[in-house]
Amino acid sequence: MAPRFSVIVLLDRDQPDPCLPSLFKQTDSSFEVIAVTNPGATLPEDPRLRVQEVADRNPARRRNLAAETAGGEILAFLDDDASAPADWLETAERLFQAHPELTGLGGPNLAPAEAPWQEWLSDVILATPLIGSGNPTYREDGKAQPALPGDLHLCNFFVRRERFEQAGGFNQALGYGAEDSEFIYRARRDLDHRFGFFPELTVTHRRRPFGPAYLAQRFRLRRQNGKLFWVYPDMYKGNPSLWAGLGILLFALFSLLAQPSLVWGWAALYFLMVLLLSRKRSFTRPRLIPLVPLAFFLHHLTYALGLGFGLLEGLLKGPSRLRQRLGRPAKS
């Protein structure tokens, strides 16, 4: 009998923990796990585990290849540094039964309670509304709502396989970043598919430690957003957090240019704004509070540089050429 779920995991770190052990403890027994690994990786034996060795580093292509061999009616995506609670699949099944109109759904990915301080600092930024990511997927206080592009991430994402194939899978021309948002956008625009965000469907997901690696990742993602703007100008129009963040950056820039002598005043205002909006997270570790405004500043600076670079790159390459290259999924 075919399984109900096919859980697809990219094991880029070639380590089963914490992802695979959490899947093998699922209360829903009708599932298989497809682990996409580098050639030569060694994994534990389990009758529910299938290993697919792929040397290609393109994450969209690797997930598409796994989906082509999946036997489940529903594809579930989990990152290798994420851990699913025992009722993760059971909760997803209940939600699909209650919402047959939905093509896909997902929920929050929350940082471990005792995360190292560098990961905690990244989580403070990501979980803070408006001036952080503004995304409900990083917080535990969200509400059930229709999901827009950017609201669901591939570390906690479910989609009906038939509709996934109908939408053409993930766009392999994108490379790394935003393939989940772009897929949801295309499925909504072209096929009128609907997606949902549900706060009870959670996973625990480690954060990238704050520092060069975190900032480099944020730069790549914002650069991708900038390029995608030329392909899908209306992709993020329903995401107020993106535009609010961009508005804050532009306001700060013009304010500093207009009144550079008030730089210390603007810095103090920024400091207070960061602490006020991030207080729910940042005040959980009082000794690290002085690091929070600096971390936010570097985050926002990286955000602005990445988005600006992506917009400029798209303009120089030519929007029509970029649309031709990225505007449809590449076939495997």
Protein backbone atom coordinates (compact mmCIF):
# COMPACT_ATOMS: atom_id res chain seq x y z
CA MET A 1 0.00 0.00 0.00
CA ALA A 2 1.30 3.46 -0.93
CA PRO A 3 2.12 5.73 2.02
CA ARG A 4 0.02 8.81 2.72
CA PHE A 5 3.06 11.07 3.18
CA SER A 6 6.44 11.25 1.46
CA VAL A 7 8.78 13.30 3.66
CA ILE A 8 11.62 14.80 1.62
CA VAL A 9 14.80 15.86 3.42
CA LEU A 10 18.00 17.26 1.92
CA LEU A 11 20.74 15.87 4.15
CA ASP A 12 23.38 18.41 3.16
CA ARG A 13 25.25 17.88 6.41
CA ASP A 14 25.28 14.08 5.94
CA GLN A 15 24.04 13.76 9.53
CA PRO A 16 20.69 12.22 10.47
CA ASP A 17 20.31 14.21 13.71
CA PRO A 18 18.02 15.81 14.65
CA CYS A 19 15.76 15.31 11.65
CA LEU A 20 15.56 11.56 10.98
CA PRO A 21 15.17 10.42 14.63
CA SER A 22 12.21 12.79 15.00
CA LEU A 23 10.58 11.35 11.87
CA PHE A 24 11.02 7.76 12.98
CA LYS A 25 9.00 8.63 16.12
CA GLN A 26 5.95 9.88 14.23
CA THR A 27 2.58 8.66 15.52
CA ASP A 28 1.24 8.53 11.95
CA SER A 29 2.55 5.26 10.50
CA SER A 30 1.64 5.87 6.84
CA PHE A 31 4.75 7.63 5.57
CA GLU A 32 8.09 7.20 3.87
CA VAL A 33 11.21 9.31 4.16
CA ILE A 34 13.23 10.19 1.07
CA ALA A 35 16.67 11.39 2.14
CA VAL A 36 18.52 13.20 -0.64
CA THR A 37 22.20 12.87 0.20
CA ASN A 38 25.64 13.45 -1.17
CA PRO A 39 27.18 10.34 -2.74
CA GLY A 40 28.69 8.07 -0.11
CA ALA A 41 26.74 9.31 2.90
CA THR A 42 26.03 6.71 5.63
CA LEU A 43 22.58 6.71 7.21
CA PRO A 44 20.76 4.47 9.69
CA GLU A 45 18.69 1.60 8.34
CA ASP A 46 14.93 1.84 8.58
CA PRO A 47 12.26 0.26 6.37
CA ARG A 48 10.60 3.67 5.94
CA LEU A 49 13.81 5.32 4.70
CA ARG A 50 14.84 5.57 1.05
CA VAL A 51 18.15 7.17 0.16
CA GLN A 52 18.57 9.09 -3.07
CA GLU A 53 22.13 10.15 -3.88
CA VAL A 54 22.33 13.36 -5.91
CA ALA A 55 25.58 15.21 -6.57
CA ASP A 56 23.78 18.28 -7.97
CA ARG A 57 23.76 21.07 -5.36
CA ASN A 58 20.68 22.86 -6.74
CA PRO A 59 18.12 22.46 -3.92
CA ALA A 60 15.07 22.94 -6.16
CA ARG A 61 16.29 20.27 -8.57
CA ARG A 62 17.12 17.86 -5.74
CA ARG A 63 13.67 18.23 -4.21
CA ASN A 64 12.01 17.86 -7.61
CA LEU A 65 13.93 14.64 -8.26
CA ALA A 66 12.82 13.27 -4.90
CA ALA A 67 9.22 14.26 -5.61
CA GLU A 68 9.31 12.35 -8.90
CA THR A 69 10.03 9.11 -7.04
CA ALA A 70 7.67 9.78 -4.12
CA GLY A 71 4.85 7.34 -3.49
CA GLY A 72 2.82 9.45 -1.07
CA GLU A 73 -0.24 11.52 -1.86
CA ILE A 74 1.20 14.40 0.13
CA LEU A 75 4.76 15.71 -0.04
CA ALA A 76 6.22 16.94 3.24
CA PHE A 77 9.43 18.96 3.37
CA LEU A 78 11.67 19.20 6.43
CA ASP A 79 15.21 20.56 6.81
CA ASP A 80 17.99 18.35 8.13
CA ASP A 81 18.62 20.71 11.06
CA ALA A 82 14.93 20.70 12.05
CA SER A 83 13.11 18.38 14.41
CA ALA A 84 9.42 17.45 14.07
CA PRO A 85 7.22 16.65 17.08
CA ALA A 86 5.80 13.15 17.20
CA ASP A 87 2.36 14.30 15.98
CA TRP A 88 3.66 16.43 13.09
CA LEU A 89 2.25 14.22 10.32
CA GLU A 90 -0.87 13.48 12.33
CA THR A 91 -1.54 17.22 12.70
CA ALA A 92 -0.97 17.80 8.98
CA GLU A 93 -3.39 14.97 8.13
CA ARG A 94 -6.06 16.49 10.36
CA LEU A 95 -5.60 19.90 8.73
CA PHE A 96 -5.79 18.51 5.20
CA GLN A 97 -8.97 16.64 6.13
CA ALA A 98 -10.47 19.83 7.56
CA HIS A 99 -9.38 21.96 4.57
CA PRO A 100 -9.74 19.92 1.36
CA GLU A 101 -9.63 23.14 -0.66
CA LEU A 102 -5.98 23.77 0.24
CA THR A 103 -3.13 22.73 -2.03
CA GLY A 104 -0.54 23.11 0.71
CA LEU A 105 0.02 24.22 4.26
CA GLY A 106 2.69 24.81 6.84
CA GLY A 107 3.38 26.43 10.17
CA PRO A 108 6.01 27.91 12.45
CA ASN A 109 9.60 26.80 12.73
CA LEU A 110 10.74 27.75 16.22
CA ALA A 111 14.24 28.01 17.64
CA PRO A 112 15.25 25.49 20.33
CA ALA A 113 14.52 26.75 23.83
CA GLU A 114 18.18 26.56 24.88
CA ALA A 115 19.77 27.83 21.68
CA PRO A 116 23.39 29.07 21.87
CA TRP A 117 23.63 32.83 22.18
CA GLN A 118 24.59 33.37 18.51
CA GLU A 119 21.50 31.42 17.38
CA TRP A 120 19.39 33.22 20.00
CA LEU A 121 20.51 36.55 18.55
CA SER A 122 19.49 35.47 15.04
CA ASP A 123 16.14 34.32 16.39
CA VAL A 124 15.50 37.69 18.07
CA ILE A 125 15.88 39.35 14.67
CA LEU A 126 13.80 36.82 12.74
CA ALA A 127 10.99 36.69 15.30
CA THR A 128 10.57 40.45 15.77
CA PRO A 129 7.61 41.93 13.86
CA LEU A 130 8.02 44.81 11.42
CA ILE A 131 11.76 45.51 11.81
CA GLY A 132 12.80 41.84 11.88
CA SER A 133 11.59 39.32 9.35
CA GLY A 134 8.00 40.13 10.34
CA ASN A 135 7.11 36.60 9.31
CA PRO A 136 4.73 34.53 11.48
CA THR A 137 6.68 31.39 10.71
CA TYR A 138 9.35 32.39 13.26
CA ARG A 139 6.89 33.01 16.13
CA GLU A 140 4.61 30.88 18.27
CA ASP A 141 1.88 33.53 18.63
CA GLY A 142 0.56 33.51 15.07
CA LYS A 143 -2.96 32.70 13.95
CA ALA A 144 -4.41 30.46 11.27
CA GLN A 145 -4.65 32.41 8.03
CA PRO A 146 -4.30 32.12 4.25
CA ALA A 147 -0.62 31.90 3.35
CA LEU A 148 0.98 34.35 0.97
CA PRO A 149 4.35 33.95 -0.76
CA GLY A 150 6.99 34.16 1.96
CA ASP A 151 4.70 32.88 4.74
CA LEU A 152 5.64 29.19 4.38
CA HIS A 153 9.16 27.79 4.37
CA LEU A 154 10.53 24.47 3.15
CA CYS A 155 11.63 23.47 6.63
CA ASN A 156 7.94 22.89 7.43
CA PHE A 157 5.86 22.62 4.27
CA PHE A 158 3.22 20.20 2.97
CA VAL A 159 1.72 20.06 -0.52
CA ARG A 160 -0.57 17.64 -2.35
CA ARG A 161 1.66 15.78 -4.81
CA GLU A 162 -0.80 15.91 -7.70
CA ARG A 163 -1.10 19.69 -7.43
CA PHE A 164 2.65 20.06 -6.93
CA GLU A 165 3.16 18.31 -10.27
CA GLN A 166 0.38 20.35 -11.85
CA ALA A 167 2.21 23.55 -10.85
CA GLY A 168 5.48 22.28 -12.34
CA GLY A 169 7.38 21.75 -9.10
CA PHE A 170 10.02 24.12 -7.79
CA ASN A 171 11.70 26.51 -10.20
CA GLN A 172 15.14 25.01 -10.79
CA ALA A 173 16.37 28.14 -12.55
CA LEU A 174 16.31 30.03 -9.24
CA GLY A 175 19.13 28.17 -7.54
CA TYR A 176 19.23 28.78 -3.79
CA GLY A 177 16.58 30.92 -2.16
CA ALA A 178 12.89 31.82 -2.52
CA GLU A 179 11.92 28.66 -4.39
CA ASP A 180 9.13 28.02 -1.87
CA SER A 181 7.74 31.57 -2.19
CA GLU A 182 7.99 31.49 -5.98
CA PHE A 183 6.19 28.13 -6.13
CA ILE A 184 3.32 29.42 -3.99
CA TYR A 185 3.10 32.57 -6.09
CA ARG A 186 2.89 30.66 -9.38
CA ALA A 187 0.41 28.12 -8.02
CA ARG A 188 -1.84 30.91 -6.75
CA ARG A 189 -1.55 33.05 -9.87
CA ASP A 190 -1.75 30.39 -12.59
CA LEU A 191 -3.91 27.69 -11.01
CA ASP A 192 -5.82 29.52 -8.29
CA HIS A 193 -4.35 27.15 -5.67
CA ARG A 194 -4.69 28.08 -2.02
CA PHE A 195 -2.31 27.63 0.91
CA GLY A 196 -2.75 27.93 4.66
CA PHE A 197 -0.63 28.83 7.68
CA PHE A 198 -1.49 27.00 10.92
CA PRO A 199 0.29 27.83 14.20
CA GLU A 200 -0.30 24.35 15.65
CA LEU A 201 1.82 22.73 12.90
CA THR A 202 5.24 23.43 14.39
CA VAL A 203 8.78 22.16 14.07
CA THR A 204 11.93 23.08 15.97
CA HIS A 205 14.55 24.56 13.66
CA ARG A 206 18.05 25.66 14.56
CA ARG A 207 19.00 29.18 13.54
CA ARG A 208 22.09 30.09 11.63
CA PRO A 209 24.46 31.61 14.24
CA PHE A 210 24.60 35.38 13.98
CA GLY A 211 27.78 36.50 12.26
CA PRO A 212 29.26 36.32 8.76
CA ALA A 213 27.37 33.13 7.82
CA TYR A 214 24.01 34.57 8.89
CA LEU A 215 24.60 37.88 7.14
CA ALA A 216 25.80 36.14 3.97
CA GLN A 217 22.62 34.05 3.90
CA ARG A 218 20.42 37.13 4.41
CA PHE A 219 22.29 38.94 1.63
CA ARG A 220 21.73 36.04 -0.80
CA LEU A 221 18.03 35.86 0.03
CA ARG A 222 17.46 39.62 -0.32
CA ARG A 223 19.45 39.63 -3.55
CA GLN A 224 17.11 36.92 -4.81
CA ASN A 225 14.12 39.06 -3.81
CA GLY A 226 15.55 41.96 -5.77
CA LYS A 227 15.95 39.89 -8.93
CA LEU A 228 12.51 38.33 -8.57
CA PHE A 229 10.97 41.80 -8.43
CA TRP A 230 11.71 42.18 -12.15
CA VAL A 231 10.12 38.80 -12.92
CA TYR A 232 7.08 39.01 -10.62
CA PRO A 233 6.51 42.67 -9.59
CA ASP A 234 3.36 41.79 -7.64
CA MET A 235 4.79 38.73 -5.85
CA TYR A 236 5.16 40.42 -2.48
CA LYS A 237 2.41 43.04 -2.75
CA GLY A 238 0.38 41.29 -0.04
CA ASN A 239 3.33 41.12 2.37
CA PRO A 240 3.19 44.32 4.46
CA SER A 241 6.31 43.43 6.48
CA LEU A 242 8.53 43.56 3.40
CA TRP A 243 7.34 47.00 2.42
CA ALA A 244 7.33 48.27 5.98
CA GLY A 245 10.96 47.22 6.36
CA LEU A 246 11.90 48.85 3.07
CA GLY A 247 10.06 52.01 4.11
CA ILE A 248 11.98 52.18 7.38
CA LEU A 249 15.28 51.82 5.54
CA LEU A 250 14.42 54.56 3.04
CA PHE A 251 13.20 56.88 5.80
CA ALA A 252 16.42 56.37 7.74
CA LEU A 253 18.55 57.01 4.65
CA PHE A 254 16.81 60.23 3.66
CA SER A 255 16.76 61.44 7.27
CA LEU A 256 20.51 60.99 7.61
CA LEU A 257 21.14 62.72 4.29
CA ALA A 258 18.87 65.62 5.21
CA GLN A 259 20.15 66.08 8.75
CA PRO A 260 23.55 64.37 9.14
CA SER A 261 24.23 66.43 12.26
CA LEU A 262 21.45 64.52 14.03
CA VAL A 263 23.16 61.17 13.54
CA TRP A 264 23.39 60.50 17.27
CA GLY A 265 19.75 61.37 17.72
CA TRP A 266 18.74 59.00 14.94
CA ALA A 267 20.98 56.33 16.45
CA ALA A 268 19.31 56.74 19.85
CA LEU A 269 15.86 56.57 18.22
CA TYR A 270 16.89 53.43 16.35
CA PHE A 271 18.24 51.90 19.57
CA LEU A 272 14.96 52.55 21.40
CA MET A 273 12.83 51.31 18.49
CA VAL A 274 14.77 48.05 18.31
CA LEU A 275 14.51 47.39 22.03
CA LEU A 276 10.83 48.29 22.12
CA LEU A 277 9.80 46.05 19.22
CA SER A 278 12.09 43.15 20.12
CA ARG A 279 11.52 43.21 23.87
CA LYS A 280 9.50 39.96 23.96
CA ARG A 281 12.60 38.08 22.78
CA SER A 282 15.59 40.24 23.64
CA PHE A 283 14.68 40.64 27.32
CA THR A 284 14.81 36.87 27.86
CA ARG A 285 18.61 37.16 28.10
CA PRO A 286 19.27 40.56 29.71
CA ARG A 287 23.05 40.31 29.60
CA LEU A 288 22.97 40.15 25.80
CA ILE A 289 20.65 43.14 25.31
CA PRO A 290 23.54 45.51 24.32
CA LEU A 291 24.25 43.28 21.30
CA VAL A 292 20.69 43.43 19.96
CA PRO A 293 20.67 46.93 18.36
CA LEU A 294 24.05 46.31 16.68
CA ALA A 295 22.83 42.96 15.33
CA PHE A 296 19.69 44.60 13.95
CA PHE A 297 21.74 47.36 12.33
CA LEU A 298 23.99 44.85 10.57
CA HIS A 299 20.93 42.85 9.55
CA HIS A 300 19.21 45.91 8.08
CA LEU A 301 22.37 47.05 6.33
CA THR A 302 22.78 43.60 4.79
CA TYR A 303 19.09 43.60 3.83
CA ALA A 304 19.44 46.96 2.04
CA LEU A 305 22.66 45.97 0.25
CA GLY A 306 21.28 42.61 -0.86
CA LEU A 307 17.98 44.01 -2.11
CA GLY A 308 19.69 46.90 -3.84
CA PHE A 309 22.28 44.65 -5.45
CA GLY A 310 19.55 42.28 -6.68
CA LEU A 311 17.49 45.13 -8.14
CA LEU A 312 20.55 46.58 -9.87
CA GLU A 313 21.64 43.17 -11.16
CA GLY A 314 18.19 42.54 -12.59
CA LEU A 315 18.17 45.95 -14.24
CA LEU A 316 21.62 45.52 -15.80
CA LYS A 317 20.85 42.02 -17.07
CA GLY A 318 17.58 43.27 -18.48
CA PRO A 319 14.19 42.50 -16.95
CA SER A 320 12.95 40.77 -20.11
CA ARG A 321 16.00 38.50 -20.20
CA LEU A 322 15.63 37.76 -16.50
CA ARG A 323 11.92 36.97 -16.95
CA GLN A 324 12.80 34.58 -19.75
CA ARG A 325 15.35 32.79 -17.58
CA LEU A 326 13.44 32.67 -14.31
CA GLY A 327 9.84 32.99 -15.38
CA ARG A 328 9.09 29.28 -15.66
CA PRO A 329 10.38 26.12 -13.99
CA ALA A 330 13.21 24.35 -15.78
CA LYS A 331 12.46 20.73 -16.68
CA SER A 332 14.52 17.97 -15.10
